[in-house]
Amino acid sequence: MLKRRKSGFVLAEALISLLLISTAITFEYEQVRNFKQQDTRLKIEYQNVSAQRATAIKSWHDYVEK
């Protein structure tokens, strides 16, 4: 009877450990995925702002030359 309880305890402990590890891995995966999405959005936004900046500089130079 004592061996069964010990085996049950070990099994329960292993399942809890597996659950905690799975949760941690899932959390890390979500963090990495969100970081990559944000990185992509920021790169696109930076390209757009750079294009707007170039247009603004060109407009300013055209205005100054008149």
N, C-alpha and C. Protein backbone atom coordinates (compact mmCIF):
# COMPACT_ATOMS: atom_id res chain seq x y z
N MET A 1 0.82 -1.19 0.00
CA MET A 1 0.00 0.00 0.00
C MET A 1 0.86 1.26 0.00
N LEU A 2 1.95 1.23 0.76
CA LEU A 2 2.84 2.38 0.84
C LEU A 2 3.54 2.63 -0.48
N LYS A 3 3.88 1.53 -1.20
CA LYS A 3 4.54 1.68 -2.49
C LYS A 3 3.61 2.36 -3.49
N ARG A 4 2.33 2.02 -3.45
CA ARG A 4 1.37 2.63 -4.37
C ARG A 4 1.25 4.13 -4.12
N ARG A 5 1.23 4.50 -2.85
CA ARG A 5 1.14 5.93 -2.51
C ARG A 5 2.38 6.66 -2.98
N LYS A 6 3.54 6.02 -2.79
CA LYS A 6 4.78 6.64 -3.22
C LYS A 6 4.80 6.78 -4.73
N SER A 7 4.37 5.74 -5.45
CA SER A 7 4.32 5.80 -6.90
C SER A 7 3.33 6.87 -7.36
N GLY A 8 2.20 6.94 -6.69
CA GLY A 8 1.21 7.97 -7.02
C GLY A 8 1.75 9.37 -6.78
N PHE A 9 2.49 9.53 -5.70
CA PHE A 9 3.08 10.83 -5.40
C PHE A 9 4.10 11.21 -6.45
N VAL A 10 4.94 10.26 -6.84
CA VAL A 10 5.95 10.53 -7.86
C VAL A 10 5.28 10.88 -9.19
N LEU A 11 4.23 10.15 -9.53
CA LEU A 11 3.50 10.43 -10.77
C LEU A 11 2.87 11.82 -10.72
N ALA A 12 2.25 12.15 -9.61
CA ALA A 12 1.63 13.47 -9.46
C ALA A 12 2.68 14.57 -9.54
N GLU A 13 3.81 14.34 -8.90
CA GLU A 13 4.89 15.32 -8.94
C GLU A 13 5.42 15.50 -10.36
N ALA A 14 5.55 14.39 -11.09
CA ALA A 14 6.02 14.46 -12.47
C ALA A 14 5.02 15.20 -13.35
N LEU A 15 3.73 14.94 -13.15
CA LEU A 15 2.71 15.63 -13.95
C LEU A 15 2.68 17.13 -13.65
N ILE A 16 2.82 17.49 -12.40
CA ILE A 16 2.86 18.91 -12.04
C ILE A 16 4.08 19.58 -12.65
N SER A 17 5.22 18.89 -12.59
CA SER A 17 6.43 19.44 -13.20
C SER A 17 6.26 19.62 -14.70
N LEU A 18 5.67 18.63 -15.34
CA LEU A 18 5.42 18.71 -16.78
C LEU A 18 4.49 19.88 -17.10
N LEU A 19 3.46 20.05 -16.30
CA LEU A 19 2.53 21.16 -16.49
C LEU A 19 3.23 22.50 -16.35
N LEU A 20 4.06 22.64 -15.33
CA LEU A 20 4.78 23.90 -15.12
C LEU A 20 5.75 24.19 -16.26
N ILE A 21 6.46 23.16 -16.70
CA ILE A 21 7.41 23.34 -17.81
C ILE A 21 6.66 23.70 -19.09
N SER A 22 5.55 23.02 -19.35
CA SER A 22 4.75 23.32 -20.55
C SER A 22 4.22 24.75 -20.51
N THR A 23 3.77 25.18 -19.35
CA THR A 23 3.28 26.54 -19.20
C THR A 23 4.39 27.55 -19.45
N ALA A 24 5.56 27.30 -18.91
CA ALA A 24 6.69 28.20 -19.12
C ALA A 24 7.09 28.27 -20.59
N ILE A 25 7.13 27.12 -21.24
CA ILE A 25 7.49 27.09 -22.66
C ILE A 25 6.45 27.83 -23.50
N THR A 26 5.18 27.62 -23.19
CA THR A 26 4.12 28.32 -23.92
C THR A 26 4.23 29.82 -23.72
N PHE A 27 4.48 30.24 -22.50
CA PHE A 27 4.63 31.67 -22.21
C PHE A 27 5.81 32.25 -22.98
N GLU A 28 6.94 31.58 -22.97
CA GLU A 28 8.12 32.06 -23.69
C GLU A 28 7.85 32.13 -25.19
N TYR A 29 7.17 31.12 -25.72
CA TYR A 29 6.84 31.11 -27.15
C TYR A 29 5.98 32.32 -27.51
N GLU A 30 4.99 32.62 -26.68
CA GLU A 30 4.13 33.77 -26.93
C GLU A 30 4.92 35.07 -26.87
N GLN A 31 5.84 35.16 -25.92
CA GLN A 31 6.66 36.36 -25.81
C GLN A 31 7.52 36.56 -27.05
N VAL A 32 8.15 35.50 -27.53
CA VAL A 32 8.99 35.59 -28.72
C VAL A 32 8.14 35.94 -29.94
N ARG A 33 6.97 35.31 -30.06
CA ARG A 33 6.09 35.60 -31.19
C ARG A 33 5.64 37.06 -31.17
N ASN A 34 5.24 37.55 -30.01
CA ASN A 34 4.82 38.95 -29.89
C ASN A 34 5.97 39.90 -30.20
N PHE A 35 7.18 39.54 -29.75
CA PHE A 35 8.35 40.38 -30.04
C PHE A 35 8.60 40.46 -31.53
N LYS A 36 8.52 39.33 -32.21
CA LYS A 36 8.75 39.32 -33.66
C LYS A 36 7.69 40.12 -34.40
N GLN A 37 6.43 40.02 -33.97
CA GLN A 37 5.37 40.81 -34.60
C GLN A 37 5.60 42.30 -34.38
N GLN A 38 5.97 42.66 -33.17
CA GLN A 38 6.22 44.07 -32.87
C GLN A 38 7.43 44.56 -33.65
N ASP A 39 8.46 43.75 -33.76
CA ASP A 39 9.65 44.11 -34.52
C ASP A 39 9.29 44.37 -35.98
N THR A 40 8.47 43.51 -36.55
CA THR A 40 8.05 43.68 -37.94
C THR A 40 7.24 44.97 -38.11
N ARG A 41 6.30 45.22 -37.18
CA ARG A 41 5.50 46.44 -37.26
C ARG A 41 6.37 47.68 -37.14
N LEU A 42 7.34 47.65 -36.23
CA LEU A 42 8.20 48.81 -36.05
C LEU A 42 9.09 49.05 -37.26
N LYS A 43 9.57 47.99 -37.90
CA LYS A 43 10.38 48.16 -39.10
C LYS A 43 9.57 48.79 -40.23
N ILE A 44 8.33 48.34 -40.39
CA ILE A 44 7.45 48.92 -41.41
C ILE A 44 7.17 50.39 -41.10
N GLU A 45 6.88 50.67 -39.84
CA GLU A 45 6.62 52.06 -39.44
C GLU A 45 7.86 52.92 -39.66
N TYR A 46 9.03 52.39 -39.36
CA TYR A 46 10.28 53.14 -39.57
C TYR A 46 10.48 53.44 -41.05
N GLN A 47 10.21 52.47 -41.91
CA GLN A 47 10.34 52.69 -43.35
C GLN A 47 9.37 53.78 -43.81
N ASN A 48 8.14 53.73 -43.31
CA ASN A 48 7.15 54.76 -43.68
C ASN A 48 7.58 56.14 -43.21
N VAL A 49 8.06 56.23 -41.99
CA VAL A 49 8.49 57.52 -41.45
C VAL A 49 9.72 58.01 -42.20
N SER A 50 10.62 57.12 -42.57
CA SER A 50 11.80 57.53 -43.34
C SER A 50 11.39 58.07 -44.71
N ALA A 51 10.41 57.43 -45.33
CA ALA A 51 9.92 57.92 -46.63
C ALA A 51 9.25 59.29 -46.46
N GLN A 52 8.47 59.47 -45.40
CA GLN A 52 7.84 60.76 -45.14
C GLN A 52 8.89 61.83 -44.87
N ARG A 53 9.92 61.46 -44.16
CA ARG A 53 11.01 62.40 -43.86
C ARG A 53 11.69 62.84 -45.14
N ALA A 54 11.98 61.88 -46.02
CA ALA A 54 12.62 62.22 -47.29
C ALA A 54 11.73 63.14 -48.11
N THR A 55 10.44 62.88 -48.12
CA THR A 55 9.49 63.73 -48.85
C THR A 55 9.45 65.13 -48.25
N ALA A 56 9.46 65.21 -46.93
CA ALA A 56 9.42 66.51 -46.26
C ALA A 56 10.69 67.30 -46.54
N ILE A 57 11.84 66.65 -46.53
CA ILE A 57 13.11 67.33 -46.82
C ILE A 57 13.11 67.83 -48.26
N LYS A 58 12.63 67.00 -49.18
CA LYS A 58 12.57 67.41 -50.59
C LYS A 58 11.63 68.60 -50.75
N SER A 59 10.49 68.56 -50.09
CA SER A 59 9.54 69.67 -50.16
C SER A 59 10.16 70.95 -49.60
N TRP A 60 10.89 70.81 -48.51
CA TRP A 60 11.54 71.97 -47.90
C TRP A 60 12.59 72.56 -48.84
N HIS A 61 13.39 71.69 -49.46
CA HIS A 61 14.40 72.18 -50.40
C HIS A 61 13.75 72.85 -51.60
N ASP A 62 12.66 72.28 -52.09
CA ASP A 62 11.95 72.90 -53.21
C ASP A 62 11.40 74.27 -52.81
N TYR A 63 10.89 74.38 -51.60
CA TYR A 63 10.35 75.65 -51.11
C TYR A 63 11.46 76.69 -50.96
N VAL A 64 12.60 76.28 -50.43
CA VAL A 64 13.71 77.21 -50.20
C VAL A 64 14.28 77.70 -51.52
N GLU A 65 14.33 76.83 -52.52
CA GLU A 65 14.91 77.20 -53.81
C GLU A 65 14.03 78.17 -54.59
N LYS A 66 12.75 78.28 -54.26
CA LYS A 66 11.85 79.19 -55.00
C LYS A 66 12.11 80.62 -54.69
